[in-house]
Amino acid sequence: MAAGAIRGSRIGSGPMGEAERGEAAPRQFISYFCTNDHSITLQFAIEAEVPVEWDCPKCGMPASMDSDNRPDAPKTEPYKTHLAYVKERRSETEAADILKEALDTLRSKRKAGEIIF
């Protein structure tokens, strides 16, 4: 880098501060509390609609403005395999009937010479 280079500024940048940008909008500070005892304080404009719940940035759990009545953790369903979904739709006897029908069809095609293994 050249010895006379100006570092840390860009062309056209001017002084920073309130006078340059104007007056800041009036704000309100809202505190949220999550189930893991984290508290978050956020700034909102006075005229902004404040959300009832906010996701905690520390743990991701929902947080509310009421420290005494914090929201419950969301219930997550465990991962289900394809077989688990099939078992929900079919009983054991239905599954056995379908399997028997498929095997009979396969055996009849094999005897007729349609399928060669």
PDB file of N, CA and C in Angstrom:
ATOM      1  N   MET A   1       0.835  -1.167   0.000  1.00  0.00           N
ATOM      2  CA  MET A   1       0.000   0.000   0.000  1.00  0.00           C
ATOM      3  C   MET A   1       0.887   1.241   0.000  1.00  0.00           C
ATOM      4  N   ALA A   2       0.454   2.296  -0.650  1.00  0.00           N
ATOM      5  CA  ALA A   2       1.249   3.519  -0.739  1.00  0.00           C
ATOM      6  C   ALA A   2       1.313   4.220   0.609  1.00  0.00           C
ATOM      7  N   ALA A   3       2.370   4.970   0.794  1.00  0.00           N
ATOM      8  CA  ALA A   3       2.587   5.644   2.081  1.00  0.00           C
ATOM      9  C   ALA A   3       1.568   6.745   2.329  1.00  0.00           C
ATOM     10  N   GLY A   4       1.059   7.372   1.273  1.00  0.00           N
ATOM     11  CA  GLY A   4       0.137   8.497   1.462  1.00  0.00           C
ATOM     12  C   GLY A   4      -1.323   8.095   1.373  1.00  0.00           C
ATOM     13  N   ALA A   5      -1.633   6.813   1.381  1.00  0.00           N
ATOM     14  CA  ALA A   5      -3.019   6.363   1.232  1.00  0.00           C
ATOM     15  C   ALA A   5      -3.822   6.643   2.489  1.00  0.00           C
ATOM     16  N   ILE A   6      -5.076   6.981   2.280  1.00  0.00           N
ATOM     17  CA  ILE A   6      -5.982   7.219   3.406  1.00  0.00           C
ATOM     18  C   ILE A   6      -6.696   5.900   3.694  1.00  0.00           C
ATOM     19  N   ARG A   7      -6.586   5.451   4.892  1.00  0.00           N
ATOM     20  CA  ARG A   7      -7.191   4.175   5.265  1.00  0.00           C
ATOM     21  C   ARG A   7      -8.440   4.385   6.098  1.00  0.00           C
ATOM     22  N   GLY A   8      -9.406   3.516   5.937  1.00  0.00           N
ATOM     23  CA  GLY A   8     -10.588   3.526   6.790  1.00  0.00           C
ATOM     24  C   GLY A   8     -11.660   4.504   6.372  1.00  0.00           C
ATOM     25  N   SER A   9     -11.602   5.049   5.180  1.00  0.00           N
ATOM     26  CA  SER A   9     -12.663   5.940   4.735  1.00  0.00           C
ATOM     27  C   SER A   9     -12.943   5.658   3.271  1.00  0.00           C
ATOM     28  N   ARG A  10     -14.081   6.108   2.807  1.00  0.00           N
ATOM     29  CA  ARG A  10     -14.430   5.933   1.406  1.00  0.00           C
ATOM     30  C   ARG A  10     -14.666   7.307   0.789  1.00  0.00           C
ATOM     31  N   ILE A  11     -14.647   7.343  -0.523  1.00  0.00           N
ATOM     32  CA  ILE A  11     -14.830   8.610  -1.228  1.00  0.00           C
ATOM     33  C   ILE A  11     -16.251   9.089  -1.005  1.00  0.00           C
ATOM     34  N   GLY A  12     -16.410  10.330  -0.666  1.00  0.00           N
ATOM     35  CA  GLY A  12     -17.715  10.918  -0.468  1.00  0.00           C
ATOM     36  C   GLY A  12     -18.244  10.789   0.936  1.00  0.00           C
ATOM     37  N   SER A  13     -17.503  10.150   1.810  1.00  0.00           N
ATOM     38  CA  SER A  13     -17.997  10.019   3.174  1.00  0.00           C
ATOM     39  C   SER A  13     -17.773  11.331   3.909  1.00  0.00           C
ATOM     40  N   GLY A  14     -18.706  11.636   4.725  1.00  0.00           N
ATOM     41  CA  GLY A  14     -18.627  12.880   5.477  1.00  0.00           C
ATOM     42  C   GLY A  14     -18.652  12.587   6.953  1.00  0.00           C
ATOM     43  N   PRO A  15     -18.817  13.630   7.747  1.00  0.00           N
ATOM     44  CA  PRO A  15     -18.863  13.415   9.194  1.00  0.00           C
ATOM     45  C   PRO A  15     -20.111  12.624   9.581  1.00  0.00           C
ATOM     46  N   MET A  16     -19.965  11.750  10.564  1.00  0.00           N
ATOM     47  CA  MET A  16     -21.082  10.942  11.037  1.00  0.00           C
ATOM     48  C   MET A  16     -21.708  11.626  12.247  1.00  0.00           C
ATOM     49  N   GLY A  17     -22.967  11.379  12.461  1.00  0.00           N
ATOM     50  CA  GLY A  17     -23.602  11.925  13.646  1.00  0.00           C
ATOM     51  C   GLY A  17     -25.041  12.301  13.397  1.00  0.00           C
ATOM     52  N   GLU A  18     -25.724  12.763  14.441  1.00  0.00           N
ATOM     53  CA  GLU A  18     -27.130  13.125  14.368  1.00  0.00           C
ATOM     54  C   GLU A  18     -27.379  14.282  13.408  1.00  0.00           C
ATOM     55  N   ALA A  19     -26.483  15.242  13.373  1.00  0.00           N
ATOM     56  CA  ALA A  19     -26.691  16.397  12.509  1.00  0.00           C
ATOM     57  C   ALA A  19     -26.745  15.983  11.045  1.00  0.00           C
ATOM     58  N   GLU A  20     -25.974  15.010  10.681  1.00  0.00           N
ATOM     59  CA  GLU A  20     -25.929  14.538   9.294  1.00  0.00           C
ATOM     60  C   GLU A  20     -27.150  13.692   8.942  1.00  0.00           C
ATOM     61  N   ARG A  21     -27.558  12.829   9.835  1.00  0.00           N
ATOM     62  CA  ARG A  21     -28.635  11.880   9.554  1.00  0.00           C
ATOM     63  C   ARG A  21     -30.007  12.372   9.987  1.00  0.00           C
ATOM     64  N   GLY A  22     -30.082  13.354  10.768  1.00  0.00           N
ATOM     65  CA  GLY A  22     -31.372  13.819  11.259  1.00  0.00           C
ATOM     66  C   GLY A  22     -31.671  13.244  12.631  1.00  0.00           C
ATOM     67  N   GLU A  23     -32.825  13.552  13.141  1.00  0.00           N
ATOM     68  CA  GLU A  23     -33.235  13.130  14.474  1.00  0.00           C
ATOM     69  C   GLU A  23     -33.707  11.679  14.440  1.00  0.00           C
ATOM     70  N   ALA A  24     -33.332  10.911  15.448  1.00  0.00           N
ATOM     71  CA  ALA A  24     -33.769   9.515  15.545  1.00  0.00           C
ATOM     72  C   ALA A  24     -35.235   9.461  15.953  1.00  0.00           C
ATOM     73  N   ALA A  25     -35.948   8.464  15.471  1.00  0.00           N
ATOM     74  CA  ALA A  25     -37.360   8.288  15.811  1.00  0.00           C
ATOM     75  C   ALA A  25     -37.479   7.935  17.288  1.00  0.00           C
ATOM     76  N   PRO A  26     -38.539   8.392  17.954  1.00  0.00           N
ATOM     77  CA  PRO A  26     -38.731   8.021  19.355  1.00  0.00           C
ATOM     78  C   PRO A  26     -38.914   6.502  19.473  1.00  0.00           C
ATOM     79  N   ARG A  27     -38.324   5.937  20.491  1.00  0.00           N
ATOM     80  CA  ARG A  27     -38.310   4.487  20.641  1.00  0.00           C
ATOM     81  C   ARG A  27     -38.872   4.057  21.981  1.00  0.00           C
ATOM     82  N   GLN A  28     -39.269   2.784  22.003  1.00  0.00           N
ATOM     83  CA  GLN A  28     -39.692   2.154  23.250  1.00  0.00           C
ATOM     84  C   GLN A  28     -38.872   0.878  23.415  1.00  0.00           C
ATOM     85  N   PHE A  29     -38.566   0.547  24.646  1.00  0.00           N
ATOM     86  CA  PHE A  29     -37.782  -0.644  24.945  1.00  0.00           C
ATOM     87  C   PHE A  29     -38.721  -1.701  25.522  1.00  0.00           C
ATOM     88  N   ILE A  30     -38.731  -2.879  24.893  1.00  0.00           N
ATOM     89  CA  ILE A  30     -39.607  -3.975  25.302  1.00  0.00           C
ATOM     90  C   ILE A  30     -38.733  -5.151  25.714  1.00  0.00           C
ATOM     91  N   SER A  31     -39.047  -5.747  26.877  1.00  0.00           N
ATOM     92  CA  SER A  31     -38.303  -6.914  27.356  1.00  0.00           C
ATOM     93  C   SER A  31     -39.121  -8.171  27.114  1.00  0.00           C
ATOM     94  N   TYR A  32     -38.432  -9.213  26.653  1.00  0.00           N
ATOM     95  CA  TYR A  32     -39.033 -10.526  26.423  1.00  0.00           C
ATOM     96  C   TYR A  32     -38.314 -11.548  27.295  1.00  0.00           C
ATOM     97  N   PHE A  33     -39.059 -12.572  27.738  1.00  0.00           N
ATOM     98  CA  PHE A  33     -38.516 -13.590  28.625  1.00  0.00           C
ATOM     99  C   PHE A  33     -38.848 -14.969  28.048  1.00  0.00           C
ATOM    100  N   CYS A  34     -37.837 -15.839  27.930  1.00  0.00           N
ATOM    101  CA  CYS A  34     -38.068 -17.175  27.365  1.00  0.00           C
ATOM    102  C   CYS A  34     -38.098 -18.211  28.484  1.00  0.00           C
ATOM    103  N   THR A  35     -38.409 -19.452  28.122  1.00  0.00           N
ATOM    104  CA  THR A  35     -38.535 -20.523  29.104  1.00  0.00           C
ATOM    105  C   THR A  35     -37.203 -20.913  29.733  1.00  0.00           C
ATOM    106  N   ASN A  36     -36.090 -20.582  29.090  1.00  0.00           N
ATOM    107  CA  ASN A  36     -34.766 -20.921  29.622  1.00  0.00           C
ATOM    108  C   ASN A  36     -34.162 -19.784  30.448  1.00  0.00           C
ATOM    109  N   ASP A  37     -34.999 -18.907  30.975  1.00  0.00           N
ATOM    110  CA  ASP A  37     -34.600 -17.787  31.842  1.00  0.00           C
ATOM    111  C   ASP A  37     -33.683 -16.782  31.154  1.00  0.00           C
ATOM    112  N   HIS A  38     -33.783 -16.652  29.840  1.00  0.00           N
ATOM    113  CA  HIS A  38     -33.071 -15.590  29.141  1.00  0.00           C
ATOM    114  C   HIS A  38     -33.997 -14.381  29.049  1.00  0.00           C
ATOM    115  N   SER A  39     -33.425 -13.194  29.154  1.00  0.00           N
ATOM    116  CA  SER A  39     -34.215 -11.986  28.951  1.00  0.00           C
ATOM    117  C   SER A  39     -33.571 -11.178  27.834  1.00  0.00           C
ATOM    118  N   ILE A  40     -34.413 -10.632  26.966  1.00  0.00           N
ATOM    119  CA  ILE A  40     -33.969  -9.866  25.817  1.00  0.00           C
ATOM    120  C   ILE A  40     -34.675  -8.526  25.861  1.00  0.00           C
ATOM    121  N   THR A  41     -33.955  -7.456  25.644  1.00  0.00           N
ATOM    122  CA  THR A  41     -34.559  -6.138  25.551  1.00  0.00           C
ATOM    123  C   THR A  41     -34.362  -5.634  24.132  1.00  0.00           C
ATOM    124  N   LEU A  42     -35.471  -5.325  23.460  1.00  0.00           N
ATOM    125  CA  LEU A  42     -35.441  -4.878  22.074  1.00  0.00           C
ATOM    126  C   LEU A  42     -35.997  -3.473  21.967  1.00  0.00           C
ATOM    127  N   GLN A  43     -35.550  -2.754  20.945  1.00  0.00           N
ATOM    128  CA  GLN A  43     -36.030  -1.399  20.694  1.00  0.00           C
ATOM    129  C   GLN A  43     -37.026  -1.430  19.546  1.00  0.00           C
ATOM    130  N   PHE A  44     -38.148  -0.755  19.726  1.00  0.00           N
ATOM    131  CA  PHE A  44     -39.145  -0.598  18.676  1.00  0.00           C
ATOM    132  C   PHE A  44     -39.518   0.869  18.597  1.00  0.00           C
ATOM    133  N   ALA A  45     -39.889   1.317  17.418  1.00  0.00           N
ATOM    134  CA  ALA A  45     -40.398   2.673  17.269  1.00  0.00           C
ATOM    135  C   ALA A  45     -41.705   2.781  18.048  1.00  0.00           C
ATOM    136  N   ILE A  46     -42.001   3.969  18.521  1.00  0.00           N
ATOM    137  CA  ILE A  46     -43.218   4.180  19.319  1.00  0.00           C
ATOM    138  C   ILE A  46     -44.460   3.775  18.526  1.00  0.00           C
ATOM    139  N   GLU A  47     -44.508   4.102  17.233  1.00  0.00           N
ATOM    140  CA  GLU A  47     -45.697   3.803  16.437  1.00  0.00           C
ATOM    141  C   GLU A  47     -45.698   2.385  15.871  1.00  0.00           C
ATOM    142  N   ALA A  48     -44.654   1.608  16.098  1.00  0.00           N
ATOM    143  CA  ALA A  48     -44.579   0.243  15.566  1.00  0.00           C
ATOM    144  C   ALA A  48     -45.474  -0.699  16.366  1.00  0.00           C
ATOM    145  N   GLU A  49     -45.993  -1.717  15.681  1.00  0.00           N
ATOM    146  CA  GLU A  49     -46.789  -2.737  16.347  1.00  0.00           C
ATOM    147  C   GLU A  49     -45.832  -3.739  16.982  1.00  0.00           C
ATOM    148  N   VAL A  50     -45.913  -3.875  18.285  1.00  0.00           N
ATOM    149  CA  VAL A  50     -44.994  -4.743  19.029  1.00  0.00           C
ATOM    150  C   VAL A  50     -45.528  -6.174  19.016  1.00  0.00           C
ATOM    151  N   PRO A  51     -44.710  -7.160  18.590  1.00  0.00           N
ATOM    152  CA  PRO A  51     -45.180  -8.554  18.586  1.00  0.00           C
ATOM    153  C   PRO A  51     -45.354  -9.095  19.996  1.00  0.00           C
ATOM    154  N   VAL A  52     -46.330  -9.987  20.157  1.00  0.00           N
ATOM    155  CA  VAL A  52     -46.621 -10.575  21.464  1.00  0.00           C
ATOM    156  C   VAL A  52     -45.510 -11.538  21.860  1.00  0.00           C
ATOM    157  N   GLU A  53     -44.993 -12.308  20.889  1.00  0.00           N
ATOM    158  CA  GLU A  53     -43.908 -13.251  21.146  1.00  0.00           C
ATOM    159  C   GLU A  53     -42.731 -12.934  20.242  1.00  0.00           C
ATOM    160  N   TRP A  54     -41.530 -13.320  20.697  1.00  0.00           N
ATOM    161  CA  TRP A  54     -40.304 -13.100  19.949  1.00  0.00           C
ATOM    162  C   TRP A  54     -39.411 -14.320  20.178  1.00  0.00           C
ATOM    163  N   ASP A  55     -38.709 -14.773  19.159  1.00  0.00           N
ATOM    164  CA  ASP A  55     -37.799 -15.905  19.324  1.00  0.00           C
ATOM    165  C   ASP A  55     -36.528 -15.442  20.034  1.00  0.00           C
ATOM    166  N   CYS A  56     -36.143 -16.177  21.068  1.00  0.00           N
ATOM    167  CA  CYS A  56     -34.951 -15.848  21.842  1.00  0.00           C
ATOM    168  C   CYS A  56     -33.711 -16.033  20.956  1.00  0.00           C
ATOM    169  N   PRO A  57     -32.848 -15.020  20.843  1.00  0.00           N
ATOM    170  CA  PRO A  57     -31.651 -15.178  20.010  1.00  0.00           C
ATOM    171  C   PRO A  57     -30.601 -16.101  20.634  1.00  0.00           C
ATOM    172  N   LYS A  58     -30.723 -16.388  21.918  1.00  0.00           N
ATOM    173  CA  LYS A  58     -29.726 -17.243  22.589  1.00  0.00           C
ATOM    174  C   LYS A  58     -30.043 -18.729  22.436  1.00  0.00           C
ATOM    175  N   CYS A  59     -31.333 -19.093  22.555  1.00  0.00           N
ATOM    176  CA  CYS A  59     -31.685 -20.517  22.514  1.00  0.00           C
ATOM    177  C   CYS A  59     -32.715 -20.858  21.447  1.00  0.00           C
ATOM    178  N   GLY A  60     -33.367 -19.859  20.851  1.00  0.00           N
ATOM    179  CA  GLY A  60     -34.338 -20.117  19.803  1.00  0.00           C
ATOM    180  C   GLY A  60     -35.741 -20.421  20.292  1.00  0.00           C
ATOM    181  N   MET A  61     -35.940 -20.463  21.595  1.00  0.00           N
ATOM    182  CA  MET A  61     -37.270 -20.745  22.147  1.00  0.00           C
ATOM    183  C   MET A  61     -38.134 -19.480  22.074  1.00  0.00           C
ATOM    184  N   PRO A  62     -39.462 -19.642  22.070  1.00  0.00           N
ATOM    185  CA  PRO A  62     -40.328 -18.463  22.065  1.00  0.00           C
ATOM    186  C   PRO A  62     -40.243 -17.717  23.395  1.00  0.00           C
ATOM    187  N   ALA A  63     -40.306 -16.396  23.302  1.00  0.00           N
ATOM    188  CA  ALA A  63     -40.252 -15.544  24.495  1.00  0.00           C
ATOM    189  C   ALA A  63     -41.453 -14.608  24.480  1.00  0.00           C
ATOM    190  N   SER A  64     -41.956 -14.276  25.668  1.00  0.00           N
ATOM    191  CA  SER A  64     -43.096 -13.355  25.777  1.00  0.00           C
ATOM    192  C   SER A  64     -42.728 -12.180  26.662  1.00  0.00           C
ATOM    193  N   MET A  65     -43.602 -11.177  26.647  1.00  0.00           N
ATOM    194  CA  MET A  65     -43.353  -9.975  27.453  1.00  0.00           C
ATOM    195  C   MET A  65     -43.670 -10.191  28.927  1.00  0.00           C
ATOM    196  N   ASP A  66     -44.453 -11.218  29.241  1.00  0.00           N
ATOM    197  CA  ASP A  66     -44.851 -11.493  30.615  1.00  0.00           C
ATOM    198  C   ASP A  66     -43.845 -12.466  31.237  1.00  0.00           C
ATOM    199  N   SER A  67     -43.082 -11.984  32.211  1.00  0.00           N
ATOM    200  CA  SER A  67     -42.050 -12.839  32.823  1.00  0.00           C
ATOM    201  C   SER A  67     -42.653 -13.946  33.687  1.00  0.00           C
ATOM    202  N   ASP A  68     -43.895 -13.777  34.157  1.00  0.00           N
ATOM    203  CA  ASP A  68     -44.525 -14.794  34.991  1.00  0.00           C
ATOM    204  C   ASP A  68     -45.167 -15.904  34.159  1.00  0.00           C
ATOM    205  N   ASN A  69     -45.646 -15.579  32.985  1.00  0.00           N
ATOM    206  CA  ASN A  69     -46.301 -16.559  32.111  1.00  0.00           C
ATOM    207  C   ASN A  69     -45.508 -16.700  30.819  1.00  0.00           C
ATOM    208  N   ARG A  70     -44.403 -17.397  30.906  1.00  0.00           N
ATOM    209  CA  ARG A  70     -43.552 -17.593  29.733  1.00  0.00           C
ATOM    210  C   ARG A  70     -44.155 -18.679  28.850  1.00  0.00           C
ATOM    211  N   PRO A  71     -43.993 -18.573  27.523  1.00  0.00           N
ATOM    212  CA  PRO A  71     -44.586 -19.585  26.638  1.00  0.00           C
ATOM    213  C   PRO A  71     -43.888 -20.930  26.773  1.00  0.00           C
ATOM    214  N   ASP A  72     -44.658 -21.979  26.541  1.00  0.00           N
ATOM    215  CA  ASP A  72     -44.103 -23.337  26.592  1.00  0.00           C
ATOM    216  C   ASP A  72     -43.257 -23.593  25.355  1.00  0.00           C
ATOM    217  N   ALA A  73     -42.341 -24.516  25.486  1.00  0.00           N
ATOM    218  CA  ALA A  73     -41.518 -24.909  24.346  1.00  0.00           C
ATOM    219  C   ALA A  73     -42.399 -25.602  23.318  1.00  0.00           C
ATOM    220  N   PRO A  74     -42.164 -25.365  22.042  1.00  0.00           N
ATOM    221  CA  PRO A  74     -42.990 -26.032  21.029  1.00  0.00           C
ATOM    222  C   PRO A  74     -42.747 -27.533  21.025  1.00  0.00           C
ATOM    223  N   LYS A  75     -43.818 -28.270  20.818  1.00  0.00           N
ATOM    224  CA  LYS A  75     -43.703 -29.727  20.792  1.00  0.00           C
ATOM    225  C   LYS A  75     -43.241 -30.152  19.404  1.00  0.00           C
ATOM    226  N   THR A  76     -42.168 -30.915  19.363  1.00  0.00           N
ATOM    227  CA  THR A  76     -41.651 -31.378  18.088  1.00  0.00           C
ATOM    228  C   THR A  76     -41.931 -32.865  17.936  1.00  0.00           C
ATOM    229  N   GLU A  77     -42.381 -33.220  16.772  1.00  0.00           N
ATOM    230  CA  GLU A  77     -42.652 -34.615  16.467  1.00  0.00           C
ATOM    231  C   GLU A  77     -41.335 -35.291  16.090  1.00  0.00           C
ATOM    232  N   PRO A  78     -41.114 -36.504  16.578  1.00  0.00           N
ATOM    233  CA  PRO A  78     -39.897 -37.209  16.170  1.00  0.00           C
ATOM    234  C   PRO A  78     -39.968 -37.577  14.693  1.00  0.00           C
ATOM    235  N   TYR A  79     -38.813 -37.771  14.089  1.00  0.00           N
ATOM    236  CA  TYR A  79     -38.747 -38.128  12.681  1.00  0.00           C
ATOM    237  C   TYR A  79     -39.383 -39.496  12.459  1.00  0.00           C
ATOM    238  N   LYS A  80     -40.240 -39.584  11.448  1.00  0.00           N
ATOM    239  CA  LYS A  80     -40.887 -40.855  11.135  1.00  0.00           C
ATOM    240  C   LYS A  80     -40.326 -41.381   9.819  1.00  0.00           C
ATOM    241  N   THR A  81     -40.105 -42.664   9.783  1.00  0.00           N
ATOM    242  CA  THR A  81     -39.662 -43.305   8.555  1.00  0.00           C
ATOM    243  C   THR A  81     -40.864 -43.576   7.659  1.00  0.00           C
ATOM    244  N   HIS A  82     -40.581 -43.956   6.426  1.00  0.00           N
ATOM    245  CA  HIS A  82     -41.653 -44.313   5.512  1.00  0.00           C
ATOM    246  C   HIS A  82     -42.461 -45.496   6.066  1.00  0.00           C
ATOM    247  N   LEU A  83     -41.764 -46.433   6.653  1.00  0.00           N
ATOM    248  CA  LEU A  83     -42.440 -47.605   7.215  1.00  0.00           C
ATOM    249  C   LEU A  83     -43.402 -47.210   8.338  1.00  0.00           C
ATOM    250  N   ALA A  84     -43.031 -46.232   9.146  1.00  0.00           N
ATOM    251  CA  ALA A  84     -43.920 -45.788  10.225  1.00  0.00           C
ATOM    252  C   ALA A  84     -45.207 -45.192   9.666  1.00  0.00           C
ATOM    253  N   TYR A  85     -45.096 -44.405   8.572  1.00  0.00           N
ATOM    254  CA  TYR A  85     -46.302 -43.856   7.955  1.00  0.00           C
ATOM    255  C   TYR A  85     -47.169 -44.964   7.350  1.00  0.00           C
ATOM    256  N   VAL A  86     -46.544 -45.953   6.737  1.00  0.00           N
ATOM    257  CA  VAL A  86     -47.297 -47.075   6.170  1.00  0.00           C
ATOM    258  C   VAL A  86     -48.020 -47.833   7.274  1.00  0.00           C
ATOM    259  N   LYS A  87     -47.348 -48.057   8.399  1.00  0.00           N
ATOM    260  CA  LYS A  87     -47.969 -48.779   9.508  1.00  0.00           C
ATOM    261  C   LYS A  87     -49.138 -48.017  10.113  1.00  0.00           C
ATOM    262  N   GLU A  88     -49.129 -46.686   9.992  1.00  0.00           N
ATOM    263  CA  GLU A  88     -50.268 -45.902  10.474  1.00  0.00           C
ATOM    264  C   GLU A  88     -51.495 -46.124   9.591  1.00  0.00           C
ATOM    265  N   ARG A  89     -51.261 -46.317   8.289  1.00  0.00           N
ATOM    266  CA  ARG A  89     -52.374 -46.455   7.346  1.00  0.00           C
ATOM    267  C   ARG A  89     -52.894 -47.882   7.243  1.00  0.00           C
ATOM    268  N   ARG A  90     -52.056 -48.878   7.499  1.00  0.00           N
ATOM    269  CA  ARG A  90     -52.429 -50.264   7.289  1.00  0.00           C
ATOM    270  C   ARG A  90     -52.325 -51.058   8.584  1.00  0.00           C
ATOM    271  N   SER A  91     -53.240 -52.019   8.744  1.00  0.00           N
ATOM    272  CA  SER A  91     -53.135 -52.931   9.885  1.00  0.00           C
ATOM    273  C   SER A  91     -52.221 -54.085   9.478  1.00  0.00           C
ATOM    274  N   GLU A  92     -51.874 -54.920  10.427  1.00  0.00           N
ATOM    275  CA  GLU A  92     -51.000 -56.065  10.148  1.00  0.00           C
ATOM    276  C   GLU A  92     -51.660 -57.036   9.170  1.00  0.00           C
ATOM    277  N   THR A  93     -52.962 -57.265   9.325  1.00  0.00           N
ATOM    278  CA  THR A  93     -53.652 -58.197   8.422  1.00  0.00           C
ATOM    279  C   THR A  93     -53.730 -57.630   7.006  1.00  0.00           C
ATOM    280  N   GLU A  94     -53.997 -56.322   6.882  1.00  0.00           N
ATOM    281  CA  GLU A  94     -54.019 -55.705   5.552  1.00  0.00           C
ATOM    282  C   GLU A  94     -52.648 -55.800   4.889  1.00  0.00           C
ATOM    283  N   ALA A  95     -51.594 -55.565   5.653  1.00  0.00           N
ATOM    284  CA  ALA A  95     -50.237 -55.653   5.113  1.00  0.00           C
ATOM    285  C   ALA A  95     -49.931 -57.070   4.657  1.00  0.00           C
ATOM    286  N   ALA A  96     -50.333 -58.069   5.417  1.00  0.00           N
ATOM    287  CA  ALA A  96     -50.099 -59.466   5.042  1.00  0.00           C
ATOM    288  C   ALA A  96     -50.869 -59.828   3.778  1.00  0.00           C
ATOM    289  N   ASP A  97     -52.113 -59.338   3.655  1.00  0.00           N
ATOM    290  CA  ASP A  97     -52.906 -59.596   2.455  1.00  0.00           C
ATOM    291  C   ASP A  97     -52.275 -58.967   1.217  1.00  0.00           C
ATOM    292  N   ILE A  98     -51.807 -57.746   1.337  1.00  0.00           N
ATOM    293  CA  ILE A  98     -51.166 -57.054   0.214  1.00  0.00           C
ATOM    294  C   ILE A  98     -49.878 -57.768  -0.186  1.00  0.00           C
ATOM    295  N   LEU A  99     -49.089 -58.191   0.798  1.00  0.00           N
ATOM    296  CA  LEU A  99     -47.856 -58.915   0.510  1.00  0.00           C
ATOM    297  C   LEU A  99     -48.155 -60.244  -0.190  1.00  0.00           C
ATOM    298  N   LYS A 100     -49.163 -60.968   0.290  1.00  0.00           N
ATOM    299  CA  LYS A 100     -49.532 -62.254  -0.325  1.00  0.00           C
ATOM    300  C   LYS A 100     -49.978 -62.045  -1.763  1.00  0.00           C
ATOM    301  N   GLU A 101     -50.777 -61.019  -2.007  1.00  0.00           N
ATOM    302  CA  GLU A 101     -51.248 -60.715  -3.358  1.00  0.00           C
ATOM    303  C   GLU A 101     -50.081 -60.367  -4.294  1.00  0.00           C
ATOM    304  N   ALA A 102     -49.132 -59.572  -3.803  1.00  0.00           N
ATOM    305  CA  ALA A 102     -47.980 -59.199  -4.622  1.00  0.00           C
ATOM    306  C   ALA A 102     -47.104 -60.411  -4.924  1.00  0.00           C
ATOM    307  N   LEU A 103     -46.907 -61.288  -3.940  1.00  0.00           N
ATOM    308  CA  LEU A 103     -46.097 -62.491  -4.169  1.00  0.00           C
ATOM    309  C   LEU A 103     -46.782 -63.445  -5.145  1.00  0.00           C
ATOM    310  N   ASP A 104     -48.101 -63.585  -5.036  1.00  0.00           N
ATOM    311  CA  ASP A 104     -48.833 -64.442  -5.972  1.00  0.00           C
ATOM    312  C   ASP A 104     -48.721 -63.906  -7.406  1.00  0.00           C
ATOM    313  N   THR A 105     -48.837 -62.597  -7.569  1.00  0.00           N
ATOM    314  CA  THR A 105     -48.697 -61.989  -8.898  1.00  0.00           C
ATOM    315  C   THR A 105     -47.298 -62.223  -9.452  1.00  0.00           C
ATOM    316  N   LEU A 106     -46.289 -62.064  -8.638  1.00  0.00           N
ATOM    317  CA  LEU A 106     -44.902 -62.268  -9.056  1.00  0.00           C
ATOM    318  C   LEU A 106     -44.658 -63.726  -9.440  1.00  0.00           C
ATOM    319  N   ARG A 107     -45.175 -64.647  -8.639  1.00  0.00           N
ATOM    320  CA  ARG A 107     -44.985 -66.075  -8.927  1.00  0.00           C
ATOM    321  C   ARG A 107     -45.707 -66.491 -10.213  1.00  0.00           C
ATOM    322  N   SER A 108     -46.887 -65.942 -10.445  1.00  0.00           N
ATOM    323  CA  SER A 108     -47.613 -66.285 -11.670  1.00  0.00           C
ATOM    324  C   SER A 108     -46.890 -65.745 -12.908  1.00  0.00           C
ATOM    325  N   LYS A 109     -46.300 -64.560 -12.817  1.00  0.00           N
ATOM    326  CA  LYS A 109     -45.537 -64.010 -13.935  1.00  0.00           C
ATOM    327  C   LYS A 109     -44.262 -64.813 -14.165  1.00  0.00           C
ATOM    328  N   ARG A 110     -43.663 -65.297 -13.103  1.00  0.00           N
ATOM    329  CA  ARG A 110     -42.440 -66.074 -13.209  1.00  0.00           C
ATOM    330  C   ARG A 110     -42.724 -67.419 -13.902  1.00  0.00           C
ATOM    331  N   LYS A 111     -43.851 -68.037 -13.575  1.00  0.00           N
ATOM    332  CA  LYS A 111     -44.236 -69.303 -14.204  1.00  0.00           C
ATOM    333  C   LYS A 111     -44.548 -69.101 -15.681  1.00  0.00           C
ATOM    334  N   ALA A 112     -45.129 -67.964 -16.019  1.00  0.00           N
ATOM    335  CA  ALA A 112     -45.490 -67.691 -17.407  1.00  0.00           C
ATOM    336  C   ALA A 112     -44.275 -67.282 -18.236  1.00  0.00           C
ATOM    337  N   GLY A 113     -43.121 -67.083 -17.591  1.00  0.00           N
ATOM    338  CA  GLY A 113     -41.909 -66.738 -18.307  1.00  0.00           C
ATOM    339  C   GLY A 113     -41.753 -65.245 -18.591  1.00  0.00           C
ATOM    340  N   GLU A 114     -42.580 -64.418 -17.982  1.00  0.00           N
ATOM    341  CA  GLU A 114     -42.483 -62.967 -18.196  1.00  0.00           C
ATOM    342  C   GLU A 114     -41.287 -62.363 -17.476  1.00  0.00           C
ATOM    343  N   ILE A 115     -40.959 -62.907 -16.315  1.00  0.00           N
ATOM    344  CA  ILE A 115     -39.847 -62.373 -15.528  1.00  0.00           C
ATOM    345  C   ILE A 115     -38.764 -63.425 -15.467  1.00  0.00           C
ATOM    346  N   ILE A 116     -37.556 -63.041 -15.860  1.00  0.00           N
ATOM    347  CA  ILE A 116     -36.427 -63.962 -15.825  1.00  0.00           C
ATOM    348  C   ILE A 116     -35.391 -63.403 -14.857  1.00  0.00           C
ATOM    349  N   PHE A 117     -34.981 -64.232 -13.909  1.00  0.00           N
ATOM    350  CA  PHE A 117     -33.964 -63.788 -12.952  1.00  0.00           C
ATOM    351  C   PHE A 117     -32.663 -64.497 -13.205  1.00  0.00           C
TER     352      PHE A 117
END
